[in-house]
Amino acid sequence: MPEEQSKPPLHNPHDKFFKETLGRPDAAKGFLISYLPPQLAKWISQGTLQREPATFIDERLVKCSSDLLFSVRLSDRQILIYCLLEHQSTVDPDMPFRLLVYMVRIWEHWRNRRQPGERWPCIIPLVLYHGDEQWSVSQRFLDWLDLPEEWRFDLAPFQPAFEHLLVDLSRMPLDEVRGELLVRLVLSLMKAATEGHLEIWMERFEPLLKELLMDPSRAELFRVLMQYAFAVEAKGSSTVRQFLGKIQDTRLKERVMSTFAEQLKEEGRQEGRQEGRQEGRQEGRQEGLQQGLQRGQLHGQIQLCQQLLGLPVMSGEELERRELSDLRTLLGELQARLHQRMK
């Protein structure tokens, strides 16, 4: 059954990114106009698009799927558009059945809200896929059934029959990602992160990303893009740091530091937990965990400050050789230099 939209779980950065970007009416409209068939895209252009605050995915699939439901009103009629994001590495062979289940849930949800005499809305299902494999499952529900060709004429009228739309980023070259600026940034970043090409994406869009950062009205978009890159790519944090090191404007650098403060803390916690467990096992003391947490946080903050100041960035091995007191002193000196630059 559907659930009212709540804060996405921390273990699923794809869900958060999907809903913070393509969940915006302007971005959703640009995406749908670009990827729906022309005869359907014109309805989006002419109608009023609205996001419906509900999700229909099975709880066991929330780590590998996300969804958005939109309604578009044309004259006195309403059409629903169901967008399912698939970010698991392999193709789900049961996708036609899953979509049928979700569509039924959407109608059930609609039944509880419909006015007396109101007819049931049509649903357009669309799958946005950015896994490792190319999509290989038929988009027609009838092809999912065991329906031999010689029986199709007799049995097909008694079966559900629909076809879902598909946007397969795995088959789409980066240069062919379509849409308005925001849509291209979002889809190309999803693709680059999945394929391990985040550095290429950063280089290609570097001028545009700097423009976003300097424009207060669009700085929030920069934050969302960078936080996703930071969260999902194996070398995301180092790649983002390299990009940030190229920013010359000290005021922008301060804004960036505040943007990534939470990521650095979380990265430090993760590193610290691992180091702390190792030290705790070796020394048999609780102090090992606490010391590891402190080290992990200090490492990330020192490296980012060095990057923003244009200084050589110390490696983890170099930092590991220093005492905790030395790390705190070094971080204080770097932060003071950043503060002095801001005056």
Protein backbone atom coordinates (compact mmCIF):
# COMPACT_ATOMS: atom_id res chain seq x y z
CA MET A 1 0.00 0.00 0.00
CA PRO A 2 1.16 3.53 -0.62
CA GLU A 3 2.84 5.56 2.05
CA GLU A 4 2.92 9.32 2.42
CA GLN A 5 6.30 10.65 1.36
CA SER A 6 8.76 10.91 4.23
CA LYS A 7 12.48 11.63 4.52
CA PRO A 8 14.36 9.07 2.39
CA PRO A 9 16.48 6.54 4.26
CA LEU A 10 20.16 7.46 4.57
CA HIS A 11 21.22 4.18 2.98
CA ASN A 12 19.65 5.20 -0.35
CA PRO A 13 21.30 8.35 -1.77
CA HIS A 14 19.73 7.57 -5.18
CA ASP A 15 16.25 7.97 -3.73
CA LYS A 16 17.11 11.29 -2.10
CA PHE A 17 18.78 12.63 -5.27
CA PHE A 18 15.95 11.42 -7.55
CA LYS A 19 13.27 13.10 -5.46
CA GLU A 20 15.19 16.31 -4.75
CA THR A 21 15.86 16.86 -8.45
CA LEU A 22 13.30 15.23 -10.73
CA GLY A 23 10.69 15.60 -8.00
CA ARG A 24 10.72 19.36 -8.62
CA PRO A 25 7.87 20.42 -10.94
CA ASP A 26 10.15 22.34 -13.33
CA ALA A 27 12.63 19.47 -13.59
CA ALA A 28 9.89 16.83 -13.86
CA LYS A 29 8.22 18.77 -16.65
CA GLY A 30 11.52 19.10 -18.54
CA PHE A 31 12.28 15.40 -18.09
CA LEU A 32 8.86 14.20 -19.23
CA ILE A 33 8.73 16.52 -22.25
CA SER A 34 12.15 15.21 -23.31
CA TYR A 35 11.51 11.49 -22.87
CA LEU A 36 7.79 10.87 -23.40
CA PRO A 37 6.62 10.19 -26.97
CA PRO A 38 5.77 13.49 -28.72
CA GLN A 39 2.02 12.84 -28.66
CA LEU A 40 2.19 12.48 -24.86
CA ALA A 41 4.80 15.19 -24.27
CA LYS A 42 2.44 17.81 -25.70
CA TRP A 43 -0.01 17.03 -22.87
CA ILE A 44 2.72 17.89 -20.36
CA SER A 45 3.37 21.17 -22.17
CA GLN A 46 -0.32 22.08 -22.27
CA GLY A 47 -1.46 20.73 -18.91
CA THR A 48 -0.77 21.47 -15.25
CA LEU A 49 1.77 19.03 -13.79
CA GLN A 50 1.63 18.22 -10.09
CA ARG A 51 3.55 15.79 -7.90
CA GLU A 52 1.46 13.38 -5.84
CA PRO A 53 3.00 12.78 -2.36
CA ALA A 54 2.94 8.98 -2.20
CA THR A 55 5.20 6.01 -2.85
CA PHE A 56 4.16 2.50 -3.92
CA ILE A 57 7.36 0.42 -3.81
CA ASP A 58 7.66 -2.75 -1.74
CA GLU A 59 9.66 -2.23 1.44
CA ARG A 60 12.17 -4.90 0.43
CA LEU A 61 13.00 -2.96 -2.77
CA VAL A 62 13.53 0.52 -1.35
CA LYS A 63 17.33 0.08 -1.52
CA CYS A 64 17.29 -0.45 -5.29
CA SER A 65 14.21 1.48 -6.46
CA SER A 66 12.57 4.87 -6.06
CA ASP A 67 9.36 6.25 -7.47
CA LEU A 68 7.53 9.47 -8.22
CA LEU A 69 3.88 9.91 -9.16
CA PHE A 70 2.69 12.94 -11.12
CA SER A 71 -0.73 14.04 -12.27
CA VAL A 72 -1.37 16.26 -15.27
CA ARG A 73 -4.75 17.93 -15.73
CA LEU A 74 -6.03 18.53 -19.24
CA SER A 75 -9.32 20.38 -19.33
CA ASP A 76 -11.54 18.38 -16.94
CA ARG A 77 -9.54 15.13 -17.10
CA GLN A 78 -6.54 13.91 -15.17
CA ILE A 79 -3.76 11.55 -16.29
CA LEU A 80 -1.26 9.96 -13.92
CA ILE A 81 2.41 9.42 -14.78
CA TYR A 82 4.29 6.90 -12.67
CA CYS A 83 8.10 7.19 -12.80
CA LEU A 84 10.09 4.28 -11.37
CA LEU A 85 13.84 4.69 -10.88
CA GLU A 86 15.77 1.41 -11.02
CA HIS A 87 19.29 1.74 -9.65
CA GLN A 88 20.16 -1.91 -9.08
CA SER A 89 23.05 -3.20 -11.19
CA THR A 90 21.05 -5.91 -12.98
CA VAL A 91 17.74 -5.87 -14.86
CA ASP A 92 14.70 -7.21 -13.02
CA PRO A 93 13.03 -9.83 -15.28
CA ASP A 94 9.76 -9.35 -13.37
CA MET A 95 9.51 -5.63 -14.07
CA PRO A 96 6.18 -5.96 -16.02
CA PHE A 97 4.57 -7.67 -13.03
CA ARG A 98 6.00 -5.15 -10.55
CA LEU A 99 4.61 -2.29 -12.59
CA LEU A 100 1.19 -3.93 -12.72
CA VAL A 101 1.22 -4.24 -8.91
CA TYR A 102 2.25 -0.59 -8.52
CA MET A 103 -0.43 0.56 -10.95
CA VAL A 104 -3.11 -1.32 -9.01
CA ARG A 105 -1.84 0.28 -5.79
CA ILE A 106 -2.05 3.71 -7.42
CA TRP A 107 -5.69 3.08 -8.40
CA GLU A 108 -6.44 1.86 -4.88
CA HIS A 109 -4.88 5.02 -3.52
CA TRP A 110 -6.95 7.06 -5.98
CA ARG A 111 -10.15 5.29 -5.00
CA ASN A 112 -9.83 6.66 -1.48
CA ARG A 113 -9.66 10.22 -2.80
CA ARG A 114 -11.98 10.23 -5.80
CA GLN A 115 -15.14 12.27 -5.91
CA PRO A 116 -18.52 10.53 -6.45
CA GLY A 117 -19.00 9.82 -10.13
CA GLU A 118 -15.36 10.62 -10.99
CA ARG A 119 -13.91 8.19 -13.53
CA TRP A 120 -10.65 6.37 -12.98
CA PRO A 121 -7.53 8.05 -14.40
CA CYS A 122 -5.19 6.49 -16.95
CA ILE A 123 -1.64 5.71 -15.82
CA ILE A 124 1.48 6.07 -17.97
CA PRO A 125 4.27 3.90 -16.47
CA LEU A 126 7.88 4.96 -17.13
CA VAL A 127 11.05 3.22 -15.96
CA LEU A 128 14.28 5.22 -15.60
CA TYR A 129 17.11 2.71 -15.43
CA HIS A 130 20.79 3.39 -14.75
CA GLY A 131 22.23 -0.01 -13.86
CA ASP A 132 25.35 -1.70 -15.20
CA GLU A 133 23.61 -4.08 -17.62
CA GLN A 134 21.74 -2.95 -20.70
CA TRP A 135 17.99 -3.37 -20.42
CA SER A 136 16.95 -6.77 -21.78
CA VAL A 137 13.34 -7.31 -20.62
CA SER A 138 10.39 -6.65 -22.92
CA GLN A 139 8.41 -3.52 -22.10
CA ARG A 140 5.11 -5.30 -22.87
CA PHE A 141 3.27 -7.13 -20.12
CA LEU A 142 1.94 -9.83 -22.48
CA ASP A 143 5.52 -10.85 -23.30
CA TRP A 144 6.09 -11.59 -19.62
CA LEU A 145 3.35 -14.25 -19.69
CA ASP A 146 3.72 -17.76 -21.04
CA LEU A 147 1.63 -16.95 -24.09
CA PRO A 148 2.67 -18.92 -27.21
CA GLU A 149 2.05 -17.11 -30.45
CA GLU A 150 -0.49 -19.67 -31.59
CA TRP A 151 -2.58 -18.98 -28.47
CA ARG A 152 -2.18 -15.20 -28.41
CA PHE A 153 -5.33 -14.41 -30.38
CA ASP A 154 -7.51 -16.55 -28.09
CA LEU A 155 -5.94 -15.68 -24.71
CA ALA A 156 -4.69 -12.10 -25.04
CA PRO A 157 -8.15 -10.48 -24.63
CA PHE A 158 -8.38 -11.96 -21.12
CA GLN A 159 -4.97 -10.73 -19.91
CA PRO A 160 -3.78 -7.31 -18.71
CA ALA A 161 -2.15 -5.59 -21.67
CA PHE A 162 0.06 -2.53 -21.31
CA GLU A 163 3.53 -1.37 -22.29
CA HIS A 164 5.82 0.74 -20.15
CA LEU A 165 8.11 3.48 -21.36
CA LEU A 166 11.85 3.07 -20.77
CA VAL A 167 14.72 5.52 -20.39
CA ASP A 168 17.82 3.30 -20.36
CA LEU A 169 20.85 5.37 -19.34
CA SER A 170 23.13 2.33 -19.74
CA ARG A 171 22.69 2.49 -23.53
CA MET A 172 22.78 6.26 -23.82
CA PRO A 173 26.14 7.93 -24.56
CA LEU A 174 26.83 10.87 -22.28
CA ASP A 175 26.65 13.30 -25.19
CA GLU A 176 23.15 12.07 -26.10
CA VAL A 177 21.50 12.74 -22.74
CA ARG A 178 18.62 15.05 -23.69
CA GLY A 179 16.63 17.68 -21.88
CA GLU A 180 16.92 21.09 -20.34
CA LEU A 181 20.01 21.97 -18.37
CA LEU A 182 18.86 20.59 -15.02
CA VAL A 183 17.62 17.33 -16.59
CA ARG A 184 20.91 16.80 -18.44
CA LEU A 185 22.93 17.46 -15.29
CA VAL A 186 20.85 15.01 -13.23
CA LEU A 187 20.71 12.15 -15.74
CA SER A 188 24.34 12.49 -16.83
CA LEU A 189 25.50 12.49 -13.20
CA MET A 190 23.50 9.32 -12.50
CA LYS A 191 25.11 7.69 -15.52
CA ALA A 192 28.63 8.89 -14.71
CA ALA A 193 28.42 7.73 -11.09
CA THR A 194 27.17 4.28 -12.12
CA GLU A 195 29.92 3.84 -14.73
CA GLY A 196 32.72 5.25 -12.55
CA HIS A 197 33.23 8.30 -14.79
CA LEU A 198 32.66 10.99 -12.20
CA GLU A 199 35.96 12.73 -13.01
CA ILE A 200 34.97 12.97 -16.69
CA TRP A 201 31.59 14.40 -15.70
CA MET A 202 33.24 16.95 -13.43
CA GLU A 203 35.60 18.09 -16.18
CA ARG A 204 32.83 18.37 -18.75
CA PHE A 205 30.49 20.38 -16.55
CA GLU A 206 33.09 22.29 -14.51
CA PRO A 207 32.28 25.76 -15.96
CA LEU A 208 28.57 25.20 -15.46
CA LEU A 209 29.00 23.91 -11.90
CA LYS A 210 30.97 27.03 -10.98
CA GLU A 211 28.20 29.18 -12.45
CA LEU A 212 25.64 27.35 -10.34
CA LEU A 213 27.73 27.89 -7.24
CA MET A 214 28.04 31.65 -7.87
CA ASP A 215 24.31 32.10 -8.49
CA PRO A 216 22.51 32.24 -5.10
CA SER A 217 19.22 31.24 -6.76
CA ARG A 218 20.78 28.00 -8.08
CA ALA A 219 23.32 27.21 -5.36
CA GLU A 220 20.90 24.66 -3.88
CA LEU A 221 21.10 22.66 -7.10
CA PHE A 222 24.89 22.67 -6.86
CA ARG A 223 24.62 21.32 -3.31
CA VAL A 224 22.31 18.48 -4.32
CA LEU A 225 24.51 17.48 -7.28
CA MET A 226 27.73 17.50 -5.25
CA GLN A 227 26.25 15.68 -2.27
CA TYR A 228 25.07 12.89 -4.56
CA ALA A 229 28.49 12.64 -6.20
CA PHE A 230 30.09 12.62 -2.75
CA ALA A 231 27.80 9.82 -1.58
CA VAL A 232 27.60 7.29 -4.40
CA GLU A 233 30.90 7.10 -6.26
CA ALA A 234 33.77 5.08 -4.83
CA LYS A 235 36.24 7.93 -5.29
CA GLY A 236 33.57 10.60 -5.06
CA SER A 237 34.99 12.43 -2.05
CA SER A 238 38.48 12.77 -3.57
CA THR A 239 37.05 13.76 -6.97
CA VAL A 240 34.84 16.41 -5.39
CA ARG A 241 37.78 17.71 -3.37
CA GLN A 242 39.86 18.05 -6.54
CA PHE A 243 37.09 20.06 -8.14
CA LEU A 244 36.71 22.28 -5.08
CA GLY A 245 40.43 22.94 -5.04
CA LYS A 246 40.10 24.69 -8.42
CA ILE A 247 37.76 27.33 -7.03
CA GLN A 248 39.69 30.57 -6.52
CA ASP A 249 37.04 32.75 -4.90
CA THR A 250 37.48 32.43 -1.13
CA ARG A 251 33.85 33.37 -0.42
CA LEU A 252 32.69 30.56 -2.64
CA LYS A 253 35.08 28.20 -0.90
CA GLU A 254 33.55 29.07 2.46
CA ARG A 255 30.09 28.37 1.05
CA VAL A 256 31.34 25.03 -0.25
CA MET A 257 32.81 24.10 3.12
CA SER A 258 29.47 24.65 4.82
CA THR A 259 27.80 22.59 2.08
CA PHE A 260 30.01 19.58 2.74
CA ALA A 261 30.36 19.84 6.49
CA GLU A 262 27.86 17.04 7.11
CA GLN A 263 29.43 14.76 4.50
CA LEU A 264 32.85 15.26 6.03
CA LYS A 265 31.49 14.45 9.46
CA GLU A 266 29.83 11.28 8.19
CA GLU A 267 32.95 10.27 6.26
CA GLY A 268 34.96 10.85 9.42
CA ARG A 269 32.54 8.75 11.44
CA GLN A 270 32.80 5.87 8.96
CA GLU A 271 36.59 6.02 8.84
CA GLY A 272 36.71 6.44 12.58
CA ARG A 273 34.46 3.47 13.26
CA GLN A 274 36.66 1.25 11.16
CA GLU A 275 39.89 2.53 12.69
CA GLY A 276 38.35 2.42 16.15
CA ARG A 277 37.26 -1.19 15.77
CA GLN A 278 40.75 -2.14 14.66
CA GLU A 279 42.39 -0.30 17.53
CA GLY A 280 39.79 -1.59 19.97
CA ARG A 281 40.45 -5.18 18.94
CA GLN A 282 44.20 -4.71 19.15
CA GLU A 283 44.22 -2.88 22.47
CA GLY A 284 41.07 -4.29 24.00
CA ARG A 285 39.99 -0.83 25.13
CA GLN A 286 36.94 1.38 24.40
CA GLU A 287 39.36 4.25 23.93
CA GLY A 288 40.31 2.76 20.57
CA LEU A 289 36.86 3.44 19.14
CA GLN A 290 36.76 7.02 20.41
CA GLN A 291 40.26 7.77 19.10
CA GLY A 292 39.40 6.32 15.73
CA LEU A 293 36.28 8.49 15.47
CA GLN A 294 38.32 11.61 16.24
CA ARG A 295 41.02 10.72 13.74
CA GLY A 296 38.59 10.04 10.91
CA GLN A 297 36.86 13.39 11.39
CA LEU A 298 40.14 15.30 11.61
CA HIS A 299 41.59 13.64 8.51
CA GLY A 300 38.69 14.66 6.29
CA GLN A 301 38.56 18.25 7.60
CA ILE A 302 42.33 18.77 7.27
CA GLN A 303 42.40 17.45 3.71
CA LEU A 304 39.50 19.66 2.64
CA CYS A 305 41.06 22.78 4.20
CA GLN A 306 44.34 22.05 2.41
CA GLN A 307 42.46 21.60 -0.84
CA LEU A 308 40.60 24.88 -0.45
CA LEU A 309 43.81 26.74 0.41
CA GLY A 310 45.56 25.32 -2.65
CA LEU A 311 48.10 23.47 -0.49
CA PRO A 312 49.47 19.95 -1.05
CA VAL A 313 46.95 17.52 0.40
CA MET A 314 48.41 15.13 2.95
CA SER A 315 47.69 11.46 2.40
CA GLY A 316 45.90 9.31 4.93
CA GLU A 317 49.19 7.57 5.72
CA GLU A 318 50.88 10.88 6.53
CA LEU A 319 48.05 11.96 8.78
CA GLU A 320 47.93 8.58 10.47
CA ARG A 321 51.53 8.99 11.62
CA ARG A 322 50.67 12.17 13.55
CA GLU A 323 49.45 12.35 17.11
CA LEU A 324 45.86 13.46 17.74
CA SER A 325 47.10 16.66 19.41
CA ASP A 326 49.18 17.50 16.32
CA LEU A 327 46.18 16.92 14.06
CA ARG A 328 44.02 19.28 16.12
CA THR A 329 46.74 21.95 16.02
CA LEU A 330 47.15 21.58 12.26
CA LEU A 331 43.42 21.84 11.66
CA GLY A 332 43.23 24.99 13.81
CA GLU A 333 46.04 26.61 11.80
CA LEU A 334 44.41 25.77 8.48
CA GLN A 335 41.03 27.08 9.60
CA ALA A 336 42.65 30.31 10.79
CA ARG A 337 44.27 30.78 7.38
CA LEU A 338 40.93 30.25 5.65
CA HIS A 339 39.29 32.73 7.97
CA GLN A 340 42.05 35.29 7.31
CA ARG A 341 41.51 34.98 3.57
CA MET A 342 37.86 35.80 4.02
CA LYS A 343 38.60 39.23 5.54
